[in-house]
Amino acid sequence: MDSDKRDKLINSSNLGELLDVDFGVVGTPARDEFDKETEAFCLAQTLKEERLKAGLTQEELAEKIGTKKTYISRLENGKSDVQLNTLYRIFEGLGKRVVVTIL
């Protein structure tokens, strides 16, 4: 890492500034990719947490919604994209509701 970037990281006062230095400002390709990956990670973690709260194994959830355990595993590990209708089905199977907000 070059000394200019290191100095900017050290002098950052909040998370937004750190992200700007490390990944670029919002709207740049690197930052957009980082934000996309972050959202996918958060969704995967939410799915796993809700499944565990419901007391279900990956296999039990998969059976409940008519898919395979390997698919649930891939989703929870961020290795697969999910279609919106499948996302609705998964969370309905967990007794939850998905609300989509367009910003």
C-alpha atoms as a PDB file:
ATOM      1  CA  MET A   1       0.000   0.000   0.000  1.00  0.00           C
ATOM      2  CA  ASP A   2       1.383   3.399  -0.875  1.00  0.00           C
ATOM      3  CA  SER A   3       2.031   5.920   1.883  1.00  0.00           C
ATOM      4  CA  ASP A   4      -0.600   8.382   0.585  1.00  0.00           C
ATOM      5  CA  LYS A   5      -3.362   5.781   0.811  1.00  0.00           C
ATOM      6  CA  ARG A   6      -2.105   4.629   4.222  1.00  0.00           C
ATOM      7  CA  ASP A   7      -2.134   8.226   5.514  1.00  0.00           C
ATOM      8  CA  LYS A   8      -5.677   8.758   4.190  1.00  0.00           C
ATOM      9  CA  LEU A   9      -6.836   5.552   5.911  1.00  0.00           C
ATOM     10  CA  ILE A  10      -5.200   6.572   9.186  1.00  0.00           C
ATOM     11  CA  ASN A  11      -6.761  10.034   9.028  1.00  0.00           C
ATOM     12  CA  SER A  12     -10.257   8.823   8.165  1.00  0.00           C
ATOM     13  CA  SER A  13     -12.751   9.701  10.859  1.00  0.00           C
ATOM     14  CA  ASN A  14     -15.671   7.451   9.918  1.00  0.00           C
ATOM     15  CA  LEU A  15     -16.570   4.326   7.989  1.00  0.00           C
ATOM     16  CA  GLY A  16     -17.701   6.254   4.917  1.00  0.00           C
ATOM     17  CA  GLU A  17     -14.305   7.892   4.576  1.00  0.00           C
ATOM     18  CA  LEU A  18     -12.545   4.545   5.017  1.00  0.00           C
ATOM     19  CA  LEU A  19     -14.685   3.007   2.285  1.00  0.00           C
ATOM     20  CA  ASP A  20     -14.048   5.978  -0.020  1.00  0.00           C
ATOM     21  CA  VAL A  21     -10.281   5.573   0.382  1.00  0.00           C
ATOM     22  CA  ASP A  22     -10.233   1.788   0.124  1.00  0.00           C
ATOM     23  CA  PHE A  23     -12.932   1.168  -2.530  1.00  0.00           C
ATOM     24  CA  GLY A  24     -13.533   4.547  -4.150  1.00  0.00           C
ATOM     25  CA  VAL A  25     -16.433   6.933  -3.800  1.00  0.00           C
ATOM     26  CA  VAL A  26     -20.022   5.873  -4.332  1.00  0.00           C
ATOM     27  CA  GLY A  27     -20.735   5.473  -8.024  1.00  0.00           C
ATOM     28  CA  THR A  28     -17.304   4.195  -9.027  1.00  0.00           C
ATOM     29  CA  PRO A  29     -17.130   0.638 -10.383  1.00  0.00           C
ATOM     30  CA  ALA A  30     -15.025  -0.685  -7.477  1.00  0.00           C
ATOM     31  CA  ARG A  31     -17.331   0.838  -4.868  1.00  0.00           C
ATOM     32  CA  ASP A  32     -20.460  -0.385  -6.655  1.00  0.00           C
ATOM     33  CA  GLU A  33     -19.029  -3.917  -6.694  1.00  0.00           C
ATOM     34  CA  PHE A  34     -18.130  -3.671  -2.990  1.00  0.00           C
ATOM     35  CA  ASP A  35     -21.637  -2.439  -2.116  1.00  0.00           C
ATOM     36  CA  LYS A  36     -23.219  -5.232  -4.174  1.00  0.00           C
ATOM     37  CA  GLU A  37     -21.112  -7.889  -2.463  1.00  0.00           C
ATOM     38  CA  THR A  38     -21.867  -6.387   0.954  1.00  0.00           C
ATOM     39  CA  GLU A  39     -25.616  -6.513   0.340  1.00  0.00           C
ATOM     40  CA  ALA A  40     -25.384 -10.138  -0.811  1.00  0.00           C
ATOM     41  CA  PHE A  41     -23.374 -11.026   2.302  1.00  0.00           C
ATOM     42  CA  CYS A  42     -25.928  -9.334   4.578  1.00  0.00           C
ATOM     43  CA  LEU A  43     -28.796 -11.156   2.891  1.00  0.00           C
ATOM     44  CA  ALA A  44     -26.978 -14.489   3.251  1.00  0.00           C
ATOM     45  CA  GLN A  45     -26.331 -13.851   6.945  1.00  0.00           C
ATOM     46  CA  THR A  46     -29.952 -12.830   7.523  1.00  0.00           C
ATOM     47  CA  LEU A  47     -31.155 -16.016   5.866  1.00  0.00           C
ATOM     48  CA  LYS A  48     -28.890 -18.152   8.026  1.00  0.00           C
ATOM     49  CA  GLU A  49     -29.828 -16.316  11.246  1.00  0.00           C
ATOM     50  CA  GLU A  50     -33.556 -16.604  10.543  1.00  0.00           C
ATOM     51  CA  ARG A  51     -33.251 -20.289   9.655  1.00  0.00           C
ATOM     52  CA  LEU A  52     -31.421 -20.952  12.921  1.00  0.00           C
ATOM     53  CA  LYS A  53     -33.994 -18.916  14.901  1.00  0.00           C
ATOM     54  CA  ALA A  54     -36.704 -21.057  13.332  1.00  0.00           C
ATOM     55  CA  GLY A  55     -34.848 -24.149  14.532  1.00  0.00           C
ATOM     56  CA  LEU A  56     -34.526 -25.582  11.035  1.00  0.00           C
ATOM     57  CA  THR A  57     -31.625 -27.304   9.357  1.00  0.00           C
ATOM     58  CA  GLN A  58     -30.765 -26.394   5.796  1.00  0.00           C
ATOM     59  CA  GLU A  59     -32.270 -29.699   4.734  1.00  0.00           C
ATOM     60  CA  GLU A  60     -35.523 -29.074   6.625  1.00  0.00           C
ATOM     61  CA  LEU A  61     -35.895 -25.596   5.140  1.00  0.00           C
ATOM     62  CA  ALA A  62     -35.157 -26.889   1.653  1.00  0.00           C
ATOM     63  CA  GLU A  63     -37.768 -29.622   2.020  1.00  0.00           C
ATOM     64  CA  LYS A  64     -40.304 -27.135   3.357  1.00  0.00           C
ATOM     65  CA  ILE A  65     -39.983 -24.855   0.325  1.00  0.00           C
ATOM     66  CA  GLY A  66     -39.375 -27.484  -2.330  1.00  0.00           C
ATOM     67  CA  THR A  67     -35.699 -27.037  -3.101  1.00  0.00           C
ATOM     68  CA  LYS A  68     -32.436 -28.777  -2.266  1.00  0.00           C
ATOM     69  CA  LYS A  69     -30.196 -28.441   0.776  1.00  0.00           C
ATOM     70  CA  THR A  70     -27.247 -27.616  -1.463  1.00  0.00           C
ATOM     71  CA  TYR A  71     -29.119 -24.578  -2.801  1.00  0.00           C
ATOM     72  CA  ILE A  72     -29.814 -23.269   0.713  1.00  0.00           C
ATOM     73  CA  SER A  73     -26.160 -23.856   1.597  1.00  0.00           C
ATOM     74  CA  ARG A  74     -24.958 -21.980  -1.478  1.00  0.00           C
ATOM     75  CA  LEU A  75     -27.257 -19.062  -0.659  1.00  0.00           C
ATOM     76  CA  GLU A  76     -26.077 -18.903   2.941  1.00  0.00           C
ATOM     77  CA  ASN A  77     -22.463 -18.941   1.783  1.00  0.00           C
ATOM     78  CA  GLY A  78     -23.005 -16.258  -0.837  1.00  0.00           C
ATOM     79  CA  LYS A  79     -22.191 -18.651  -3.658  1.00  0.00           C
ATOM     80  CA  SER A  80     -25.489 -18.323  -5.519  1.00  0.00           C
ATOM     81  CA  ASP A  81     -27.817 -15.565  -6.621  1.00  0.00           C
ATOM     82  CA  VAL A  82     -31.436 -15.803  -5.633  1.00  0.00           C
ATOM     83  CA  GLN A  83     -34.506 -14.871  -7.635  1.00  0.00           C
ATOM     84  CA  LEU A  84     -36.990 -12.645  -5.889  1.00  0.00           C
ATOM     85  CA  ASN A  85     -39.821 -15.207  -5.955  1.00  0.00           C
ATOM     86  CA  THR A  86     -37.476 -17.782  -4.384  1.00  0.00           C
ATOM     87  CA  LEU A  87     -36.470 -15.280  -1.714  1.00  0.00           C
ATOM     88  CA  TYR A  88     -40.136 -14.748  -0.876  1.00  0.00           C
ATOM     89  CA  ARG A  89     -40.688 -18.523  -0.666  1.00  0.00           C
ATOM     90  CA  ILE A  90     -37.667 -19.035   1.585  1.00  0.00           C
ATOM     91  CA  PHE A  91     -38.658 -16.389   4.096  1.00  0.00           C
ATOM     92  CA  GLU A  92     -42.306 -17.465   4.006  1.00  0.00           C
ATOM     93  CA  GLY A  93     -41.014 -20.922   4.927  1.00  0.00           C
ATOM     94  CA  LEU A  94     -39.338 -19.281   7.915  1.00  0.00           C
ATOM     95  CA  GLY A  95     -42.547 -17.521   8.923  1.00  0.00           C
ATOM     96  CA  LYS A  96     -41.209 -14.152   7.764  1.00  0.00           C
ATOM     97  CA  ARG A  97     -42.204 -11.635   5.123  1.00  0.00           C
ATOM     98  CA  VAL A  98     -39.927  -9.877   2.660  1.00  0.00           C
ATOM     99  CA  VAL A  99     -40.489  -6.199   1.934  1.00  0.00           C
ATOM    100  CA  VAL A 100     -38.613  -4.634  -0.975  1.00  0.00           C
ATOM    101  CA  THR A 101     -37.766  -0.937  -0.858  1.00  0.00           C
ATOM    102  CA  ILE A 102     -36.571   0.922  -3.932  1.00  0.00           C
ATOM    103  CA  LEU A 103     -34.350   3.863  -3.028  1.00  0.00           C
END
